[in-house]
Amino acid sequence: MPKPKQFLKGEKKKSKHAAPVPTTADEFLEVGVEHEEAGEKWRGGDAAKSTRFFTRALDAYEGGLKKFPDSFDLAYNKARLQYEMTQHPKILPQLPGTLLELLKTAIESSRYALKLDSENSDALFNAAQALCSYAEVAKDDDLPSRYLEEALWLFELCLNNQLRAFDKDTAAAKAAAEGNNDVEMADNDDTIPYDSPRAEPSGQMPPPPSQFQPSSAMLASSASSSTSLASNTQTQPQETAWARIVEPVTISTILDTLSAQLQTLTLLTKEVPPADTAAIQHIVNYYQNPILSTLTHPQYGPLFVEREDDIKLAIANYQCAAADLQYNAEEIDLRKYDHIVSNAYDFDMSNSPEALCDAGESFLQFHAAVAHLGMHCEPYLTQRWVVLGKAQNHFTAAWKLPDAQHKEKINALRGDVDMLRFQLGLVGHKDAKKNGAVLLKNAGIFYNGAKITAERDGVREVAVEAEVKSLIVKAFGGHVSELKNVELAQEVSKKVIVEAVADGVVTSAQLAEFGINGY
């Protein structure tokens, strides 16, 4: 998530009178930032109060844009805040509209901001993130791949700008150390023009969307926007003086963008049909350049060691997702797929719940590929038993860490794993059959734990999923009435059952034995 835009704020004379109605773009900006700061202060404790402050901040930005539609800073702050509010689980339920609608609004605002300054790295990053989040929740008919490809293109422009600025800052620092003051540090306008060789697309990306193509007016606007914030404190001593803080591009900043590119590419692998060989090749090529070429570049590569584990995790997630796609496309065999997944997470994850969960989900994905073969014999049954054991070990280790987030989701996954292991016993695996009762009992415990945590934290979707799956467990124990009642009464429960069948938690034949048909 991009950091909130920061400003230097001069001292303001306190007044006992009511705050004056803002009349300038800077004043609208000041009001919005003050409300944002208040909202952030209450975000952890009082979600409703925090939301009210954030909403007031949006009102200030929107009010300012009505009078000053060319203010990039008002437009960027509005777009950034709209997106950030969708990413806070406790604030999201307070907002009107669905998540998809809120993200669509944030995307539209981001596009407006980019029309005002089409080369601002923060705006490019924010817009790309909003597109990725939209793609994750969009329905199939919304073509998620289209949004992900657009996000990749924006991330690439952002990365190009950051590398250019980093190169210039590094050269300036070196020159200063050598006593040469002729080289200037990069500033806000030191972005890559669209005709720069370095700004050329990597060769794999689609043409940029029309709404992002710059006009001469846009470029002129971006060239002058960085000087529009400062107010004259000598002639207006009572006014607040605003100045945009230009934070230098650091290796950590570049890594944020590279990680975001890898995450987007990973999402894209899950949207590409295995028959689309051209799209698969595009994904592989894009990973090689610009991502891997930047990570291994002699100028930057040695500096990435400060966040080596973050990059290793993003690469591992991509490699496993790409391997799954290539396996389904029959470009690699099962042995190669197994080798990739078994070695992708070969680094210390013991203190990272995110890495442990990502690894566990990759093992689950590999298990699904083996299960899809329908081979209920050795060595496939043991291969599935072993990989499910690895997944369970990783989920359990993640759940035990004190800083683990979304424990309701982790427990739901632990329940799924033990149900899958229970199912192995029903098709002939000796150890699974021997431990079937224990596996079934544990699955029920995990689902109930997920339901309790989800209800406490207001995560309704997970709470419903865990409840329905816990009733599936009960049905295997002979208590089918509750599952039948829920299936008949709630449409959302039917969706959970459909997904449970697709994931192998329960089969259509087993549901039919419970008296539940149509799956």
Protein backbone atom coordinates (compact mmCIF):
# COMPACT_ATOMS: atom_id res chain seq x y z
CA MET A 1 0.00 0.00 0.00
CA PRO A 2 1.50 3.39 -0.92
CA LYS A 3 2.32 5.64 1.97
CA PRO A 4 -0.06 8.54 2.53
CA LYS A 5 1.07 11.76 0.94
CA GLN A 6 2.95 13.81 3.51
CA PHE A 7 3.31 17.56 3.74
CA LEU A 8 5.45 20.02 5.61
CA LYS A 9 3.11 22.26 7.50
CA GLY A 10 4.10 25.62 8.88
CA GLU A 11 2.86 26.87 12.23
CA LYS A 12 -0.67 28.14 12.24
CA LYS A 13 -1.99 30.71 14.68
CA LYS A 14 -4.66 29.17 16.88
CA SER A 15 -8.08 30.74 16.87
CA LYS A 16 -11.03 30.44 19.23
CA HIS A 17 -13.39 31.03 16.33
CA ALA A 18 -14.82 28.31 14.12
CA ALA A 19 -12.54 27.13 11.36
CA PRO A 20 -13.00 29.28 8.24
CA VAL A 21 -14.54 27.73 5.13
CA PRO A 22 -11.67 26.68 2.83
CA THR A 23 -11.33 28.83 -0.25
CA THR A 24 -8.05 27.67 -1.83
CA ALA A 25 -6.83 24.25 -2.96
CA ASP A 26 -4.26 24.29 -0.16
CA GLU A 27 -6.92 24.97 2.44
CA PHE A 28 -9.10 22.12 1.21
CA LEU A 29 -6.01 19.94 1.30
CA GLU A 30 -5.24 20.98 4.86
CA VAL A 31 -8.76 20.16 6.04
CA GLY A 32 -8.61 16.75 4.38
CA VAL A 33 -5.23 15.86 5.84
CA GLU A 34 -6.34 16.89 9.35
CA HIS A 35 -9.41 14.64 9.11
CA GLU A 36 -7.25 11.79 7.79
CA GLU A 37 -4.88 12.12 10.74
CA ALA A 38 -7.82 12.00 13.14
CA GLY A 39 -9.27 8.98 11.33
CA GLU A 40 -5.97 7.15 11.53
CA LYS A 41 -5.78 7.83 15.26
CA TRP A 42 -9.14 6.13 15.87
CA ARG A 43 -8.78 3.34 13.31
CA GLY A 44 -7.57 0.73 15.78
CA GLY A 45 -10.16 1.40 18.48
CA ASP A 46 -13.35 2.92 17.09
CA ALA A 47 -13.98 1.93 13.47
CA ALA A 48 -17.19 3.98 13.19
CA LYS A 49 -15.52 7.15 14.45
CA SER A 50 -12.50 6.55 12.26
CA THR A 51 -14.76 6.12 9.23
CA ARG A 52 -16.53 9.41 9.96
CA PHE A 53 -13.21 11.27 9.94
CA PHE A 54 -12.07 9.54 6.75
CA THR A 55 -15.40 10.39 5.11
CA ARG A 56 -14.97 14.04 6.10
CA ALA A 57 -11.50 13.95 4.55
CA LEU A 58 -12.98 12.64 1.30
CA ASP A 59 -15.64 15.36 1.42
CA ALA A 60 -12.88 17.97 1.74
CA TYR A 61 -10.93 16.57 -1.21
CA GLU A 62 -14.07 16.27 -3.35
CA GLY A 63 -15.20 19.78 -2.39
CA GLY A 64 -11.81 21.12 -3.34
CA LEU A 65 -11.83 19.33 -6.68
CA LYS A 66 -15.18 20.92 -7.56
CA LYS A 67 -13.52 24.31 -7.32
CA PHE A 68 -10.02 23.28 -8.36
CA PRO A 69 -10.40 20.36 -10.76
CA ASP A 70 -6.77 20.62 -11.88
CA SER A 71 -5.32 20.06 -8.39
CA PHE A 72 -3.35 16.84 -8.62
CA ASP A 73 -2.74 16.66 -4.88
CA LEU A 74 -6.45 16.81 -4.07
CA ALA A 75 -7.16 14.19 -6.73
CA TYR A 76 -4.36 11.89 -5.58
CA ASN A 77 -5.29 12.13 -1.90
CA LYS A 78 -8.91 11.34 -2.74
CA ALA A 79 -8.00 8.28 -4.83
CA ARG A 80 -5.46 7.01 -2.30
CA LEU A 81 -7.83 7.33 0.65
CA GLN A 82 -10.70 5.69 -1.23
CA TYR A 83 -8.51 2.68 -1.91
CA GLU A 84 -6.97 2.52 1.57
CA MET A 85 -10.41 2.47 3.20
CA THR A 86 -11.26 -0.71 1.29
CA GLN A 87 -8.20 -2.43 2.73
CA HIS A 88 -9.12 -2.04 6.41
CA PRO A 89 -11.35 -4.99 7.50
CA LYS A 90 -12.97 -3.04 10.33
CA ILE A 91 -13.70 0.04 8.23
CA LEU A 92 -14.98 -1.73 5.13
CA PRO A 93 -18.31 -2.80 6.75
CA GLN A 94 -18.95 0.84 7.67
CA LEU A 95 -18.87 1.95 4.02
CA PRO A 96 -21.86 2.14 1.67
CA GLY A 97 -21.81 -0.18 -1.32
CA THR A 98 -20.10 -3.46 -2.11
CA LEU A 99 -16.35 -3.94 -2.14
CA LEU A 100 -16.44 -4.18 -5.93
CA GLU A 101 -18.30 -0.87 -6.20
CA LEU A 102 -15.91 0.85 -3.79
CA LEU A 103 -12.87 -0.41 -5.67
CA LYS A 104 -14.36 0.68 -8.98
CA THR A 105 -14.82 4.18 -7.56
CA ALA A 106 -11.20 4.21 -6.35
CA ILE A 107 -10.01 3.15 -9.81
CA GLU A 108 -11.99 5.94 -11.47
CA SER A 109 -10.51 8.47 -9.05
CA SER A 110 -7.01 7.10 -9.67
CA ARG A 111 -7.47 7.49 -13.40
CA TYR A 112 -8.56 11.08 -12.90
CA ALA A 113 -5.43 11.78 -10.83
CA LEU A 114 -3.24 10.24 -13.54
CA LYS A 115 -4.85 12.49 -16.13
CA LEU A 116 -3.52 15.42 -14.11
CA ASP A 117 -0.04 13.94 -13.61
CA SER A 118 0.41 10.82 -15.71
CA GLU A 119 3.95 10.14 -14.50
CA ASN A 120 3.64 10.48 -10.73
CA SER A 121 5.04 7.28 -9.22
CA ASP A 122 2.76 7.32 -6.17
CA ALA A 123 -0.32 7.73 -8.34
CA LEU A 124 0.81 4.98 -10.72
CA PHE A 125 1.40 2.61 -7.80
CA ASN A 126 -1.93 3.42 -6.14
CA ALA A 127 -3.89 2.95 -9.37
CA ALA A 128 -2.17 -0.39 -10.04
CA GLN A 129 -2.95 -1.65 -6.55
CA ALA A 130 -6.61 -0.71 -6.90
CA LEU A 131 -6.78 -2.58 -10.21
CA CYS A 132 -5.24 -5.69 -8.62
CA SER A 133 -7.67 -5.62 -5.72
CA TYR A 134 -10.57 -5.23 -8.14
CA ALA A 135 -9.38 -8.18 -10.22
CA GLU A 136 -9.23 -10.37 -7.10
CA VAL A 137 -12.92 -9.87 -6.32
CA ALA A 138 -14.31 -9.34 -9.83
CA LYS A 139 -16.64 -11.91 -11.33
CA ASP A 140 -15.52 -14.04 -14.23
CA ASP A 141 -17.43 -11.96 -16.75
CA ASP A 142 -15.50 -8.87 -15.66
CA LEU A 143 -12.32 -10.30 -17.22
CA PRO A 144 -9.92 -9.96 -14.25
CA SER A 145 -6.93 -10.52 -16.55
CA ARG A 146 -7.63 -7.21 -18.28
CA TYR A 147 -7.28 -5.31 -15.00
CA LEU A 148 -4.16 -7.25 -14.03
CA GLU A 149 -2.46 -6.52 -17.35
CA GLU A 150 -3.26 -2.84 -16.92
CA ALA A 151 -1.83 -2.97 -13.38
CA LEU A 152 1.38 -4.59 -14.64
CA TRP A 153 1.79 -1.83 -17.19
CA LEU A 154 1.35 0.86 -14.51
CA PHE A 155 3.76 -0.88 -12.14
CA GLU A 156 6.32 -1.02 -14.93
CA LEU A 157 6.03 2.72 -15.56
CA CYS A 158 6.37 3.28 -11.83
CA LEU A 159 9.46 1.07 -11.65
CA ASN A 160 11.07 2.86 -14.60
CA ASN A 161 10.58 6.22 -12.89
CA GLN A 162 11.98 4.93 -9.61
CA LEU A 163 15.08 3.42 -11.20
CA ARG A 164 15.73 6.64 -13.10
CA ALA A 165 15.42 8.72 -9.92
CA PHE A 166 17.54 6.26 -7.93
CA ASP A 167 20.28 6.37 -10.57
CA LYS A 168 20.33 10.16 -10.52
CA ASP A 169 20.34 10.40 -6.72
CA THR A 170 23.15 7.85 -6.51
CA ALA A 171 25.20 9.76 -9.08
CA ALA A 172 24.59 13.04 -7.24
CA ALA A 173 25.65 11.54 -3.90
CA LYS A 174 28.80 10.11 -5.46
CA ALA A 175 29.62 13.43 -7.11
CA ALA A 176 29.10 15.30 -3.84
CA ALA A 177 31.45 12.90 -2.06
CA GLU A 178 34.05 13.58 -4.73
CA GLY A 179 33.56 17.33 -4.49
CA ASN A 180 31.67 17.67 -7.78
CA ASN A 181 28.47 19.67 -7.30
CA ASP A 182 27.40 19.73 -10.95
CA VAL A 183 25.07 16.74 -10.61
CA GLU A 184 21.61 17.50 -9.17
CA MET A 185 19.45 15.25 -7.03
CA ALA A 186 16.24 13.92 -8.54
CA ASP A 187 13.09 15.88 -7.80
CA ASN A 188 9.38 15.34 -8.33
CA ASP A 189 9.63 16.23 -12.01
CA ASP A 190 12.46 13.79 -12.63
CA THR A 191 10.20 11.16 -14.10
CA ILE A 192 10.67 9.27 -17.31
CA PRO A 193 8.93 10.85 -20.27
CA TYR A 194 6.95 8.46 -22.39
CA ASP A 195 9.44 8.76 -25.26
CA SER A 196 12.38 7.73 -23.05
CA PRO A 197 14.05 4.44 -24.11
CA ARG A 198 13.80 3.18 -20.55
CA ALA A 199 10.07 3.83 -20.49
CA GLU A 200 9.43 1.53 -23.41
CA PRO A 201 7.22 -1.42 -22.48
CA SER A 202 9.04 -4.68 -21.91
CA GLY A 203 7.67 -6.08 -25.15
CA GLN A 204 5.02 -8.22 -23.51
CA MET A 205 2.53 -5.64 -22.32
CA PRO A 206 -0.65 -4.64 -24.17
CA PRO A 207 -0.98 -1.07 -25.48
CA PRO A 208 -1.69 1.37 -22.64
CA PRO A 209 -5.38 2.06 -22.00
CA SER A 210 -6.60 5.20 -23.73
CA GLN A 211 -7.46 6.88 -20.46
CA PHE A 212 -3.79 6.86 -19.47
CA GLN A 213 -2.30 8.16 -22.70
CA PRO A 214 -0.73 11.55 -21.96
CA SER A 215 -1.50 14.69 -23.87
CA SER A 216 0.73 17.71 -24.10
CA ALA A 217 -1.58 19.42 -21.63
CA MET A 218 -1.08 16.63 -19.12
CA LEU A 219 2.67 16.79 -19.44
CA ALA A 220 2.59 20.53 -19.03
CA SER A 221 0.41 20.11 -15.97
CA SER A 222 2.79 17.63 -14.40
CA ALA A 223 5.73 19.91 -15.11
CA SER A 224 4.17 22.74 -13.13
CA SER A 225 2.28 20.87 -10.42
CA SER A 226 5.21 20.51 -8.03
CA THR A 227 5.43 24.27 -7.59
CA SER A 228 1.74 24.81 -6.89
CA LEU A 229 1.70 23.84 -3.21
CA ALA A 230 4.01 26.31 -1.56
CA SER A 231 2.35 29.40 -0.15
CA ASN A 232 4.10 32.70 0.55
CA THR A 233 4.64 32.75 4.29
CA GLN A 234 6.12 36.25 4.21
CA THR A 235 3.03 37.90 2.76
CA GLN A 236 0.56 35.58 4.53
CA PRO A 237 2.03 34.94 7.99
CA GLN A 238 -1.26 33.59 9.38
CA GLU A 239 -1.68 30.98 6.64
CA THR A 240 -0.43 27.43 6.79
CA ALA A 241 2.57 26.92 4.50
CA TRP A 242 2.43 23.72 2.52
CA ALA A 243 5.28 22.04 0.74
CA ARG A 244 5.30 18.60 -0.78
CA ILE A 245 7.86 16.32 0.81
CA VAL A 246 9.96 14.72 -1.90
CA GLU A 247 11.15 11.46 -0.40
CA PRO A 248 14.21 10.01 -2.13
CA VAL A 249 13.74 6.74 -3.96
CA THR A 250 15.37 3.99 -1.94
CA ILE A 251 16.10 0.34 -2.58
CA SER A 252 13.17 -0.46 -0.31
CA THR A 253 10.87 1.66 -2.51
CA ILE A 254 12.03 -0.20 -5.61
CA LEU A 255 11.53 -3.54 -3.87
CA ASP A 256 7.96 -2.58 -2.99
CA THR A 257 7.24 -2.11 -6.68
CA LEU A 258 9.04 -5.30 -7.74
CA SER A 259 7.14 -7.28 -5.11
CA ALA A 260 3.86 -5.78 -6.31
CA GLN A 261 4.74 -6.75 -9.89
CA LEU A 262 5.44 -10.31 -8.81
CA GLN A 263 2.19 -10.50 -6.87
CA THR A 264 0.27 -9.19 -9.87
CA LEU A 265 1.97 -11.66 -12.20
CA THR A 266 1.09 -14.44 -9.74
CA LEU A 267 -2.57 -13.40 -9.83
CA LEU A 268 -2.46 -13.31 -13.62
CA THR A 269 -1.30 -16.94 -13.83
CA LYS A 270 -4.56 -17.97 -12.16
CA GLU A 271 -6.65 -16.18 -14.81
CA VAL A 272 -4.92 -17.50 -17.94
CA PRO A 273 -6.49 -20.58 -19.61
CA PRO A 274 -3.98 -23.43 -19.99
CA ALA A 275 -4.73 -23.52 -23.72
CA ASP A 276 -3.52 -19.93 -24.19
CA THR A 277 0.14 -20.66 -24.90
CA ALA A 278 0.85 -17.11 -26.02
CA ALA A 279 -0.37 -15.71 -22.69
CA ILE A 280 1.71 -18.25 -20.77
CA GLN A 281 4.80 -17.26 -22.72
CA HIS A 282 4.01 -13.61 -22.05
CA ILE A 283 3.97 -14.30 -18.30
CA VAL A 284 7.26 -16.19 -18.41
CA ASN A 285 8.91 -13.45 -20.49
CA TYR A 286 7.64 -10.70 -18.22
CA TYR A 287 9.09 -12.44 -15.19
CA GLN A 288 12.46 -12.57 -16.94
CA ASN A 289 12.28 -8.92 -17.98
CA PRO A 290 11.74 -6.49 -16.32
CA ILE A 291 11.45 -8.29 -12.96
CA LEU A 292 14.32 -10.79 -12.84
CA SER A 293 16.58 -8.58 -14.94
CA THR A 294 16.21 -5.80 -12.35
CA LEU A 295 16.66 -8.12 -9.36
CA THR A 296 19.89 -9.53 -10.83
CA HIS A 297 21.19 -6.25 -12.27
CA PRO A 298 24.78 -5.70 -11.06
CA GLN A 299 23.92 -2.15 -9.97
CA TYR A 300 20.83 -3.04 -7.90
CA GLY A 301 21.03 -6.75 -7.10
CA PRO A 302 23.65 -6.52 -4.32
CA LEU A 303 21.55 -3.84 -2.59
CA PHE A 304 18.42 -5.99 -2.35
CA VAL A 305 19.88 -8.07 0.47
CA GLU A 306 18.21 -5.82 3.06
CA ARG A 307 14.83 -7.37 2.21
CA GLU A 308 15.95 -10.63 0.69
CA ASP A 309 13.25 -12.76 2.35
CA ASP A 310 10.45 -10.53 1.02
CA ILE A 311 11.68 -10.96 -2.53
CA LYS A 312 12.28 -14.69 -2.05
CA LEU A 313 8.68 -15.11 -0.91
CA ALA A 314 7.27 -13.17 -3.87
CA ILE A 315 9.43 -15.18 -6.27
CA ALA A 316 8.44 -18.49 -4.64
CA ASN A 317 4.74 -17.66 -4.90
CA TYR A 318 5.14 -16.75 -8.56
CA GLN A 319 7.19 -19.86 -9.37
CA CYS A 320 4.59 -22.19 -7.83
CA ALA A 321 1.68 -20.44 -9.53
CA ALA A 322 3.49 -20.48 -12.88
CA ALA A 323 4.37 -24.15 -12.40
CA ASP A 324 0.71 -24.99 -11.79
CA LEU A 325 -0.28 -23.16 -14.98
CA GLN A 326 2.49 -24.79 -17.03
CA TYR A 327 1.60 -28.24 -15.66
CA ASN A 328 -2.06 -27.81 -16.61
CA ALA A 329 -0.89 -26.62 -20.04
CA GLU A 330 1.22 -29.81 -20.30
CA GLU A 331 4.42 -27.79 -20.63
CA ILE A 332 6.00 -29.51 -17.60
CA ASP A 333 5.35 -32.92 -16.04
CA LEU A 334 4.27 -33.77 -12.48
CA ARG A 335 7.82 -34.55 -11.37
CA LYS A 336 9.02 -31.09 -12.46
CA TYR A 337 6.03 -29.46 -10.76
CA ASP A 338 6.77 -31.37 -7.55
CA HIS A 339 10.42 -30.29 -7.68
CA ILE A 340 9.51 -26.62 -8.08
CA VAL A 341 7.02 -26.58 -5.20
CA SER A 342 9.30 -28.60 -2.90
CA ASN A 343 12.22 -26.20 -3.38
CA ALA A 344 10.55 -22.82 -3.92
CA TYR A 345 10.30 -21.96 -0.21
CA ASP A 346 13.83 -22.97 0.68
CA PHE A 347 14.46 -20.12 3.15
CA ASP A 348 13.73 -19.40 6.80
CA MET A 349 9.99 -18.79 7.22
CA SER A 350 9.74 -19.67 10.90
CA ASN A 351 8.77 -16.14 11.96
CA SER A 352 6.66 -15.19 8.96
CA PRO A 353 2.99 -16.26 9.12
CA GLU A 354 2.46 -14.85 5.62
CA ALA A 355 5.24 -16.97 4.13
CA LEU A 356 4.11 -20.08 5.99
CA CYS A 357 0.53 -19.68 4.75
CA ASP A 358 1.63 -18.97 1.18
CA ALA A 359 3.76 -22.10 1.18
CA GLY A 360 0.88 -24.13 2.63
CA GLU A 361 -1.48 -22.91 -0.09
CA SER A 362 1.08 -23.80 -2.78
CA PHE A 363 1.24 -27.34 -1.38
CA LEU A 364 -2.57 -27.48 -1.48
CA GLN A 365 -2.52 -26.36 -5.11
CA PHE A 366 -0.06 -29.12 -5.98
CA HIS A 367 -2.24 -31.65 -4.15
CA ALA A 368 -5.21 -30.57 -6.25
CA ALA A 369 -3.21 -31.24 -9.42
CA VAL A 370 -2.34 -34.76 -8.26
CA ALA A 371 -5.89 -35.44 -7.08
CA HIS A 372 -7.25 -34.35 -10.44
CA LEU A 373 -5.50 -37.33 -12.01
CA GLY A 374 -7.99 -39.57 -10.23
CA MET A 375 -5.32 -42.20 -9.53
CA HIS A 376 -6.43 -43.92 -6.30
CA CYS A 377 -3.29 -46.03 -6.09
CA GLU A 378 0.35 -45.76 -5.15
CA PRO A 379 2.54 -43.80 -5.39
CA TYR A 380 -0.08 -41.08 -5.89
CA LEU A 381 -1.95 -41.63 -2.61
CA THR A 382 1.22 -41.39 -0.54
CA GLN A 383 2.36 -38.37 -2.54
CA ARG A 384 -0.91 -36.64 -1.70
CA TRP A 385 -0.69 -37.68 1.99
CA VAL A 386 2.84 -36.30 2.28
CA VAL A 387 2.11 -32.96 0.61
CA LEU A 388 -1.04 -32.47 2.72
CA GLY A 389 1.08 -33.10 5.81
CA LYS A 390 3.48 -30.38 4.68
CA ALA A 391 0.59 -27.99 4.14
CA GLN A 392 -0.84 -28.71 7.59
CA ASN A 393 2.55 -28.22 9.26
CA HIS A 394 2.92 -24.81 7.63
CA PHE A 395 -0.61 -23.66 8.50
CA THR A 396 -0.21 -24.82 12.10
CA ALA A 397 3.14 -23.06 12.46
CA ALA A 398 1.61 -19.86 11.09
CA TRP A 399 -1.39 -20.05 13.43
CA LYS A 400 0.89 -20.38 16.46
CA LEU A 401 2.81 -17.16 15.73
CA PRO A 402 1.57 -14.28 17.91
CA ASP A 403 1.58 -11.77 15.04
CA ALA A 404 -0.44 -13.98 12.67
CA GLN A 405 -3.38 -12.15 11.12
CA HIS A 406 -6.66 -13.60 9.87
CA LYS A 407 -6.46 -16.65 12.09
CA GLU A 408 -10.01 -17.47 11.11
CA LYS A 409 -8.83 -18.11 7.55
CA ILE A 410 -5.87 -20.17 8.77
CA ASN A 411 -8.14 -22.38 10.86
CA ALA A 412 -10.52 -22.81 7.91
CA LEU A 413 -7.57 -23.99 5.81
CA ARG A 414 -6.46 -26.38 8.55
CA GLY A 415 -9.97 -27.82 8.51
CA ASP A 416 -9.82 -28.24 4.73
CA VAL A 417 -6.49 -30.08 4.94
CA ASP A 418 -7.74 -32.60 7.48
CA MET A 419 -10.91 -33.18 5.46
CA LEU A 420 -8.74 -33.87 2.40
CA ARG A 421 -6.64 -36.28 4.45
CA PHE A 422 -9.82 -37.91 5.74
CA GLN A 423 -10.98 -38.37 2.13
CA LEU A 424 -7.71 -40.17 1.30
CA GLY A 425 -8.67 -42.86 3.81
CA LEU A 426 -11.93 -43.43 1.95
CA VAL A 427 -10.06 -44.21 -1.29
CA GLY A 428 -7.49 -46.58 0.15
CA HIS A 429 -4.61 -44.82 1.92
CA LYS A 430 -3.80 -46.90 5.00
CA ASP A 431 -2.60 -44.16 7.38
CA ALA A 432 -5.48 -41.88 6.43
CA LYS A 433 -7.99 -44.67 6.99
CA LYS A 434 -6.42 -45.60 10.33
CA ASN A 435 -6.63 -42.00 11.57
CA GLY A 436 -9.94 -41.14 9.91
CA ALA A 437 -11.90 -40.50 13.11
CA VAL A 438 -9.19 -38.22 14.51
CA LEU A 439 -8.90 -36.31 11.23
CA LEU A 440 -12.65 -35.77 11.09
CA LYS A 441 -12.75 -34.60 14.70
CA ASN A 442 -9.83 -32.20 14.16
CA ALA A 443 -11.47 -30.76 11.06
CA GLY A 444 -14.57 -29.98 13.10
CA ILE A 445 -12.48 -28.31 15.79
CA PHE A 446 -10.68 -26.16 13.21
CA TYR A 447 -13.91 -25.10 11.49
CA ASN A 448 -15.56 -24.21 14.80
CA GLY A 449 -12.50 -22.20 15.80
CA ALA A 450 -12.61 -20.37 12.48
CA LYS A 451 -16.32 -19.61 12.95
CA ILE A 452 -15.83 -18.21 16.47
CA THR A 453 -12.91 -15.99 15.42
CA ALA A 454 -14.65 -14.80 12.25
CA GLU A 455 -17.83 -13.87 14.12
CA ARG A 456 -15.82 -12.03 16.74
CA ASP A 457 -13.93 -10.02 14.11
CA GLY A 458 -16.91 -9.44 11.84
CA VAL A 459 -15.60 -11.53 8.94
CA ARG A 460 -19.02 -12.83 7.86
CA GLU A 461 -17.92 -14.66 4.72
CA VAL A 462 -15.46 -16.87 6.60
CA ALA A 463 -17.96 -17.39 9.42
CA VAL A 464 -20.53 -18.77 6.97
CA GLU A 465 -17.96 -20.94 5.23
CA ALA A 466 -16.73 -22.40 8.52
CA GLU A 467 -20.27 -23.04 9.77
CA VAL A 468 -21.34 -24.92 6.63
CA LYS A 469 -18.16 -26.99 6.56
CA SER A 470 -18.53 -27.86 10.23
CA LEU A 471 -22.00 -29.18 9.36
CA ILE A 472 -20.44 -31.28 6.58
CA VAL A 473 -18.19 -32.81 9.24
CA LYS A 474 -21.25 -33.54 11.39
CA ALA A 475 -22.96 -35.16 8.41
CA PHE A 476 -20.12 -37.66 8.12
CA GLY A 477 -20.85 -38.49 11.74
CA GLY A 478 -24.48 -39.26 10.92
CA HIS A 479 -26.04 -35.88 11.75
CA VAL A 480 -27.25 -34.64 8.37
CA SER A 481 -30.39 -32.66 9.26
CA GLU A 482 -28.62 -29.39 10.09
CA LEU A 483 -26.68 -29.41 6.82
CA LYS A 484 -29.85 -30.13 4.84
CA ASN A 485 -31.71 -27.28 6.57
CA VAL A 486 -28.92 -24.77 5.96
CA GLU A 487 -28.55 -25.86 2.34
CA LEU A 488 -32.25 -25.31 1.72
CA ALA A 489 -32.55 -22.01 3.60
CA GLN A 490 -29.45 -20.05 2.57
CA GLU A 491 -28.22 -19.33 -0.95
CA VAL A 492 -24.77 -18.44 0.40
CA SER A 493 -24.54 -21.90 1.95
CA LYS A 494 -25.04 -23.47 -1.48
CA LYS A 495 -22.08 -21.48 -2.77
CA VAL A 496 -19.91 -22.83 0.06
CA ILE A 497 -20.99 -26.38 -0.72
CA VAL A 498 -20.20 -25.91 -4.42
CA GLU A 499 -16.70 -24.72 -3.52
CA ALA A 500 -16.27 -27.55 -1.01
CA VAL A 501 -17.04 -30.08 -3.77
CA ALA A 502 -14.62 -28.34 -6.17
CA ASP A 503 -11.87 -28.40 -3.52
CA GLY A 504 -12.41 -32.06 -2.64
CA VAL A 505 -13.61 -31.48 0.91
CA VAL A 506 -16.76 -33.47 0.08
CA THR A 507 -17.91 -35.25 -3.08
CA SER A 508 -21.19 -35.05 -4.96
CA ALA A 509 -21.78 -38.74 -4.27
CA GLN A 510 -21.32 -38.21 -0.54
CA LEU A 511 -23.76 -35.29 -0.55
CA ALA A 512 -26.27 -37.47 -2.37
CA GLU A 513 -25.93 -40.05 0.41
CA PHE A 514 -26.77 -37.24 2.85
CA GLY A 515 -29.92 -36.52 0.82
CA ILE A 516 -28.49 -33.37 -0.77
CA ASN A 517 -28.55 -33.46 -4.57
CA GLY A 518 -27.64 -31.15 -7.42
CA TYR A 519 -23.91 -30.75 -6.75
